[in-house]
Protein backbone atom coordinates (compact mmCIF):
# COMPACT_ATOMS: atom_id res chain seq x y z
CA UNK A 1 -0.02 -0.32 0.24
CA UNK A 2 1.77 2.88 -1.51
CA UNK A 3 -0.73 5.55 -2.05
CA UNK A 4 -4.26 6.36 -0.86
CA UNK A 5 -6.99 4.64 -3.49
CA UNK A 6 -10.89 5.35 -3.26
CA UNK A 7 -11.36 2.07 -1.75
CA UNK A 8 -9.59 3.34 1.17
CA UNK A 9 -12.48 5.84 1.72
CA UNK A 10 -15.09 3.17 0.93
CA UNK A 11 -16.17 1.47 4.57
CA UNK A 12 -15.10 -1.86 3.46
CA UNK A 13 -11.73 -3.69 4.10
CA UNK A 14 -9.21 -1.27 3.27
CA UNK A 15 -10.75 1.38 5.17
CA UNK A 16 -10.23 -0.82 8.46
CA UNK A 17 -6.88 -1.48 7.34
CA UNK A 18 -6.03 2.26 7.08
CA UNK A 19 -7.77 2.96 10.27
CA UNK A 20 -6.03 0.15 12.33
CA UNK A 21 -2.62 0.58 10.64
CA UNK A 22 -1.92 4.28 10.50
CA UNK A 23 -4.54 6.01 12.53
CA UNK A 24 -5.37 4.08 15.72
CA UNK A 25 -1.37 2.74 15.70
CA UNK A 26 -0.49 6.73 16.59
CA UNK A 27 -3.36 7.50 18.21
CA UNK A 28 -4.77 5.06 20.67
CA UNK A 29 -5.90 5.98 23.99
CA UNK A 30 -8.51 4.40 26.34
CA UNK A 31 -11.09 6.85 24.82
CA UNK A 32 -10.43 6.59 21.44
CA UNK A 33 -13.35 4.24 19.81
CA UNK A 34 -14.12 2.46 16.82
CA UNK A 35 -18.18 2.96 17.48
CA UNK A 36 -20.12 5.85 16.11
CA UNK A 37 -19.47 8.23 19.07
CA UNK A 38 -16.92 8.61 21.75
CA UNK A 39 -18.36 8.26 25.49
CA UNK A 40 -16.28 10.25 27.67
CA UNK A 41 -16.04 11.62 31.60
CA UNK A 42 -18.14 14.74 31.71
CA UNK A 43 -16.22 17.71 33.32
CA UNK A 44 -17.88 19.18 36.67
CA UNK A 45 -17.51 22.65 35.36
CA UNK A 46 -18.06 24.77 32.37
CA UNK A 47 -16.73 23.68 28.92
CA UNK A 48 -15.52 25.36 25.76
CA UNK A 49 -15.81 23.98 22.41
CA UNK A 50 -13.96 24.80 18.81
CA UNK A 51 -13.45 23.53 15.43
CA UNK A 52 -10.88 24.68 12.54
CA UNK A 53 -9.86 23.37 9.34
CA UNK A 54 -6.14 22.78 8.38
CA UNK A 55 -4.30 22.89 4.99
CA UNK A 56 -1.23 24.35 4.24
CA UNK A 57 1.56 24.03 1.65
CA UNK A 58 4.34 22.98 1.94
CA UNK A 59 2.77 20.52 4.25
CA UNK A 60 6.00 19.98 6.24
CA UNK A 61 8.00 23.11 7.08
CA UNK A 62 10.73 23.84 9.57
CA UNK A 63 9.42 23.43 12.88
CA UNK A 64 6.59 21.63 12.01
CA UNK A 65 3.89 20.25 9.72
CA UNK A 66 -0.04 20.23 9.05
CA UNK A 67 -0.57 17.63 11.80
CA UNK A 68 1.19 19.23 14.58
CA UNK A 69 -0.61 22.76 13.53
CA UNK A 70 -4.09 20.80 13.58
CA UNK A 71 -3.10 19.68 17.20
CA UNK A 72 -1.42 23.03 18.41
CA UNK A 73 -4.23 25.11 16.48
CA UNK A 74 -7.36 23.48 18.57
CA UNK A 75 -5.33 23.00 21.76
CA UNK A 76 -4.68 26.71 21.25
CA UNK A 77 -8.05 27.84 20.88
CA UNK A 78 -9.17 26.37 24.02
CA UNK A 79 -6.55 27.65 25.95
CA UNK A 80 -7.22 31.22 24.93
CA UNK A 81 -10.54 30.97 26.65
CA UNK A 82 -8.64 29.32 30.29
CA UNK A 83 -10.06 25.95 29.15
CA UNK A 84 -7.95 23.25 30.09
CA UNK A 85 -8.05 20.74 26.55
CA UNK A 86 -9.55 17.23 27.03
CA UNK A 87 -10.86 15.73 24.25
CA UNK A 88 -10.10 16.23 20.12
CA UNK A 89 -11.81 14.54 17.55
CA UNK A 90 -10.14 14.76 13.98
CA UNK A 91 -11.74 14.60 10.13
CA UNK A 92 -9.38 13.75 7.24
CA UNK A 93 -10.40 13.98 3.95
CA UNK A 94 -7.56 12.74 1.44
CA UNK A 95 -6.85 12.91 -2.27
CA UNK A 96 -6.71 9.81 -4.07
CA UNK A 97 -3.26 8.79 -5.28
CA UNK A 98 -1.86 10.56 -1.53
CA UNK A 99 1.04 9.23 -0.16
CA UNK A 100 0.34 6.33 2.64
CA UNK A 101 4.37 6.95 4.19
CA UNK A 102 3.47 10.75 4.09
CA UNK A 103 -0.21 10.34 5.91
CA UNK A 104 1.78 7.89 8.29
CA UNK A 105 4.18 10.81 9.64
CA UNK A 106 1.27 13.45 9.72
CA UNK A 107 -0.75 11.04 11.63
CA UNK A 108 2.39 10.41 13.89
CA UNK A 109 2.96 13.92 14.27
CA UNK A 110 -0.58 14.70 15.57
CA UNK A 111 -0.29 11.64 17.72
CA UNK A 112 3.08 12.82 19.71
CA UNK A 113 1.79 16.55 20.01
CA UNK A 114 -1.19 15.57 21.52
CA UNK A 115 0.51 13.89 23.98
CA UNK A 116 2.96 16.58 24.58
CA UNK A 117 -0.44 18.72 25.22
CA UNK A 118 -1.99 16.06 27.53
CA UNK A 119 -4.93 15.96 25.24
CA UNK A 120 -6.62 12.57 24.03
CA UNK A 121 -8.09 12.04 20.30
CA UNK A 122 -11.14 10.30 20.67
CA UNK A 123 -12.99 10.12 17.17
CA UNK A 124 -12.47 10.84 13.81
CA UNK A 125 -13.64 10.42 10.12
CA UNK A 126 -11.84 9.45 6.64
CA UNK A 127 -13.11 10.62 3.52
CA UNK A 128 -10.94 10.04 -0.11
CA UNK A 129 -11.68 12.45 -2.61
CA UNK A 130 -11.00 11.59 -6.18
CA UNK A 131 -8.26 12.77 -7.93
CA UNK A 132 -7.90 16.71 -8.09
CA UNK A 133 -11.18 17.21 -6.05
CA UNK A 134 -8.86 18.58 -3.17
CA UNK A 135 -5.04 19.72 -2.82
CA UNK A 136 -3.66 16.90 -0.97
CA UNK A 137 -5.18 16.62 2.43
CA UNK A 138 -7.71 18.60 4.62
CA UNK A 139 -7.47 18.46 8.23
CA UNK A 140 -10.40 19.02 10.48
CA UNK A 141 -10.10 18.74 14.12
CA UNK A 142 -12.78 20.30 17.26
CA UNK A 143 -12.01 19.95 20.96
CA UNK A 144 -13.59 20.12 24.15
CA UNK A 145 -11.99 21.75 27.24
CA UNK A 146 -12.99 22.18 30.86
CA UNK A 147 -12.62 25.90 32.06
CA UNK A 148 -10.46 26.84 34.81
CA UNK A 149 -12.92 28.21 37.83
CA UNK A 150 -13.39 31.96 38.42
CA UNK A 151 -11.89 32.36 34.52
CA UNK A 152 -13.71 35.22 32.26
CA UNK A 153 -11.47 35.56 29.25
CA UNK A 154 -12.54 37.23 26.65
CA UNK A 155 -11.81 40.10 23.85
CA UNK A 156 -14.48 42.37 25.11
CA UNK A 157 -12.72 42.57 28.29
CA UNK A 158 -9.75 45.14 27.44
CA UNK A 159 -9.69 48.03 29.78
CA UNK A 160 -7.88 51.29 29.72
CA UNK A 161 -4.55 51.04 31.54
CA UNK A 162 -4.19 47.04 30.61
CA UNK A 163 -0.77 46.03 29.30
CA UNK A 164 -0.40 44.39 26.13
CA UNK A 165 2.02 41.55 26.71
CA UNK A 166 2.78 38.85 23.94
CA UNK A 167 4.09 35.31 24.58
CA UNK A 168 6.98 35.22 22.34
CA UNK A 169 8.53 36.73 19.34
CA UNK A 170 6.28 37.04 16.20
CA UNK A 171 5.71 36.39 12.80
CA UNK A 172 8.16 33.28 12.72
CA UNK A 173 5.32 30.66 11.66
CA UNK A 174 4.41 33.01 8.28
CA UNK A 175 8.09 33.83 7.42
CA UNK A 176 9.20 30.11 7.88
CA UNK A 177 5.86 29.11 5.50
CA UNK A 178 7.01 31.72 2.94
CA UNK A 179 10.51 30.62 2.63
CA UNK A 180 9.73 26.81 2.91
CA UNK A 181 7.70 27.76 -0.43
CA UNK A 182 11.04 28.88 -1.63
CA UNK A 183 9.92 31.49 -4.20
CA UNK A 184 12.16 34.48 -3.67
CA UNK A 185 15.35 32.65 -3.51
CA UNK A 186 15.79 34.15 0.10
CA UNK A 187 17.58 31.66 2.36
CA UNK A 188 17.33 32.58 6.23
CA UNK A 189 16.86 30.35 9.50
CA UNK A 190 13.69 30.91 10.14
CA UNK A 191 11.95 28.00 12.13
CA UNK A 192 7.95 28.02 12.86
CA UNK A 193 6.89 29.00 16.44
CA UNK A 194 4.31 26.21 15.89
CA UNK A 195 3.60 25.00 19.73
CA UNK A 196 0.84 24.20 22.31
CA UNK A 197 0.74 26.92 24.89
CA UNK A 198 -1.76 25.30 27.42
CA UNK A 199 0.67 25.03 30.40
CA UNK A 200 2.04 28.77 29.86
CA UNK A 201 -1.60 30.21 30.03
CA UNK A 202 -2.32 27.48 32.84
CA UNK A 203 0.85 29.01 34.42
CA UNK A 204 -0.15 32.63 34.42
CA UNK A 205 -3.56 31.73 35.57
CA UNK A 206 -2.39 29.88 38.43
CA UNK A 207 -0.54 33.16 39.87
CA UNK A 208 -3.42 35.56 39.23
CA UNK A 209 -7.00 34.96 37.53
CA UNK A 210 -7.12 38.69 36.90
CA UNK A 211 -6.24 38.64 33.26
CA UNK A 212 -8.63 39.86 30.79
CA UNK A 213 -7.95 38.27 27.30
CA UNK A 214 -5.79 35.94 25.77
CA UNK A 215 -6.11 35.42 21.83
CA UNK A 216 -4.28 33.10 19.77
CA UNK A 217 -2.01 35.41 16.57
CA UNK A 218 -2.98 33.07 14.13
CA UNK A 219 -3.97 34.01 10.52
CA UNK A 220 -3.10 37.97 10.46
CA UNK A 221 -0.76 38.01 13.45
CA UNK A 222 -0.28 39.80 16.46
CA UNK A 223 -1.44 43.08 14.16
CA UNK A 224 -4.75 41.63 13.22
CA UNK A 225 -5.66 40.29 16.88
CA UNK A 226 -4.89 44.11 18.11
CA UNK A 227 -7.36 45.38 15.99
CA UNK A 228 -9.84 42.50 16.77
CA UNK A 229 -10.00 43.17 20.46
CA UNK A 230 -9.97 47.23 20.31
CA UNK A 231 -12.96 46.91 18.09
CA UNK A 232 -14.51 44.16 20.71
CA UNK A 233 -13.70 46.19 23.71
CA UNK A 234 -14.25 49.27 22.17
CA UNK A 235 -10.79 50.68 23.35
CA UNK A 236 -7.22 52.39 21.93
CA UNK A 237 -4.36 50.09 21.40
CA UNK A 238 -0.89 51.62 21.76
CA UNK A 239 2.34 49.88 21.12
CA UNK A 240 6.10 50.36 21.23
CA UNK A 241 7.75 49.19 18.24
CA UNK A 242 11.04 48.83 20.27
CA UNK A 243 9.55 46.62 22.46
CA UNK A 244 7.97 44.04 19.98
CA UNK A 245 9.98 40.82 20.28
CA UNK A 246 11.06 40.17 16.36
CA UNK A 247 13.68 37.34 15.38
CA UNK A 248 16.38 39.15 13.59
CA UNK A 249 16.04 36.61 10.42
CA UNK A 250 12.37 37.18 10.58
CA UNK A 251 13.30 40.87 10.40
CA UNK A 252 15.91 40.33 7.82
CA UNK A 253 13.28 38.74 5.61
CA UNK A 254 10.51 41.22 6.24
CA UNK A 255 12.80 44.28 5.60
CA UNK A 256 14.01 42.69 1.94
CA UNK A 257 9.98 41.88 1.08
CA UNK A 258 8.47 44.72 2.64
CA UNK A 259 6.47 42.68 4.69
CA UNK A 260 5.66 44.21 8.29
CA UNK A 261 5.95 41.44 11.23
CA UNK A 262 2.88 42.15 13.12
CA UNK A 263 0.81 40.72 10.02
CA UNK A 264 2.54 37.63 9.85
CA UNK A 265 1.16 34.39 11.19
CA UNK A 266 2.03 32.91 14.42
CA UNK A 267 1.32 29.50 15.75
CA UNK A 268 2.89 29.52 19.13
CA UNK A 269 2.19 33.24 20.50
CA UNK A 270 -0.63 34.62 21.78
CA UNK A 271 -1.42 38.04 23.01
CA UNK A 272 -2.45 38.66 26.60
CA UNK A 273 -4.13 41.58 28.35
CA UNK A 274 -3.71 42.18 31.93
CA UNK A 275 -3.89 44.81 34.63
CA UNK A 276 -0.33 46.76 34.33
CA UNK A 277 0.58 46.34 37.86
CA UNK A 278 0.23 42.21 36.91
CA UNK A 279 2.11 42.52 33.63
CA UNK A 280 5.99 42.13 35.23
CA UNK A 281 4.97 38.91 36.41
CA UNK A 282 3.34 37.69 33.81
CA UNK A 283 6.28 38.01 31.92
CA UNK A 284 8.68 36.46 34.47
CA UNK A 285 6.51 33.11 34.71
CA UNK A 286 5.90 33.22 30.71
CA UNK A 287 9.90 33.34 30.44
CA UNK A 288 9.81 30.17 32.36
CA UNK A 289 8.04 28.57 29.84
CA UNK A 290 9.22 26.12 27.12
CA UNK A 291 7.78 28.04 24.20
CA UNK A 292 7.38 31.36 25.91
CA UNK A 293 11.03 32.53 26.61
CA UNK A 294 10.79 35.54 24.68
CA UNK A 295 7.65 36.91 26.24
CA UNK A 296 7.30 40.72 26.21
CA UNK A 297 5.31 43.93 27.22
CA UNK A 298 4.74 45.56 24.00
CA UNK A 299 2.19 48.19 24.67
CA UNK A 300 -0.87 49.35 26.74
CA UNK A 301 -4.55 49.94 26.30
CA UNK A 302 -5.98 53.53 26.29
CA UNK A 303 -9.22 55.04 26.41
CA UNK A 304 -8.33 57.36 23.32
CA UNK A 305 -8.17 56.40 19.67
CA UNK A 306 -11.05 53.81 19.97
CA UNK A 307 -11.11 50.90 17.74
CA UNK A 308 -7.16 52.16 16.34
CA UNK A 309 -3.89 50.45 17.21
CA UNK A 310 -1.21 53.27 17.08
CA UNK A 311 2.98 52.42 16.85
CA UNK A 312 5.50 54.59 18.94
CA UNK A 313 8.05 54.35 16.61
CA UNK A 314 11.95 54.09 17.90
CA UNK A 315 12.77 57.28 16.93
CA UNK A 316 9.39 58.59 20.21
CA UNK A 317 7.06 59.44 17.09
CA UNK A 318 3.24 57.96 17.38
CA UNK A 319 1.74 56.64 14.08
CA UNK A 320 -1.76 54.59 13.12
CA UNK A 321 -1.02 51.21 12.53
CA UNK A 322 -2.73 50.36 9.23
CA UNK A 323 -5.82 48.01 9.68
CA UNK A 324 -5.24 44.78 8.45
CA UNK A 325 -6.41 44.22 4.57
CA UNK A 326 -8.23 41.94 2.81
CA UNK A 327 -5.56 39.56 2.07
CA UNK A 328 -2.74 39.41 4.33
CA UNK A 329 0.61 37.89 2.67
CA UNK A 330 1.57 35.04 2.81
CA UNK A 331 -1.60 33.59 2.27
CA UNK A 332 -1.00 30.12 4.91
CA UNK A 333 -4.20 28.49 4.62
């Protein structure tokens, strides 16, 4: 079995063999079911639920792959609500002729990342589409998490006087994908920040529940998140260009191509809004984390310039950050 055939999606013996040889082998856990639905222990409190689809070219890139991405993206969406990730489901739409070895690598990566994030994949679905009907492989995941007691995180909660914190350096995922496509002939040592961040969020919330919002800076990057929160909360946001952590290689690529790092995608960096008197301790806690060593305060929430984001430049001037456009480059999915 070198490639996926239509028979693998027909529900017969080949489907069963595919599930056993790849999916069950990498996802096996006490709750993974062959029945029509997983039966699971219910959390005692409130739950959060999310779903997301994942397509990316190339499917393997420095620092990750579409499989790892699919787990991290869903785990991080739950984490942003203050919910401990518990259960995931996943759905695959696979193009006829897709290499089985590549599928095995992607599913293996998903299993490894789920174990790292302490979440279990409990159910799934596989469909095979005819040649040319899909571009290789589409993955959709859904996740359920248990909200920690006393937590109220929302994009509507930012308040004047809040500090704006990033959990790491920005734009690495978008830059890594751009370079992996090799469309510009640029060589730079850039690795995606693709990572599960629940442990970092849990550490912060273990210190203080007085946090107003976390937001995952995926498509559209940190700049888009800032505009989203400014609009949802009806506040202004002022950031300091000199305080924004940007990997030198990312900065160099952006300089050559005229890109704004604030609008490059992240897959392992969140934006946090919290009272200013909590900011230094939150950053100290984050910097102890495996994926959040570059956390920094980059600005503050203001009562003026409602629904706008302004930037204090390196020479002390203040200018408007251009709002995100309709098509942000590079397109990552």
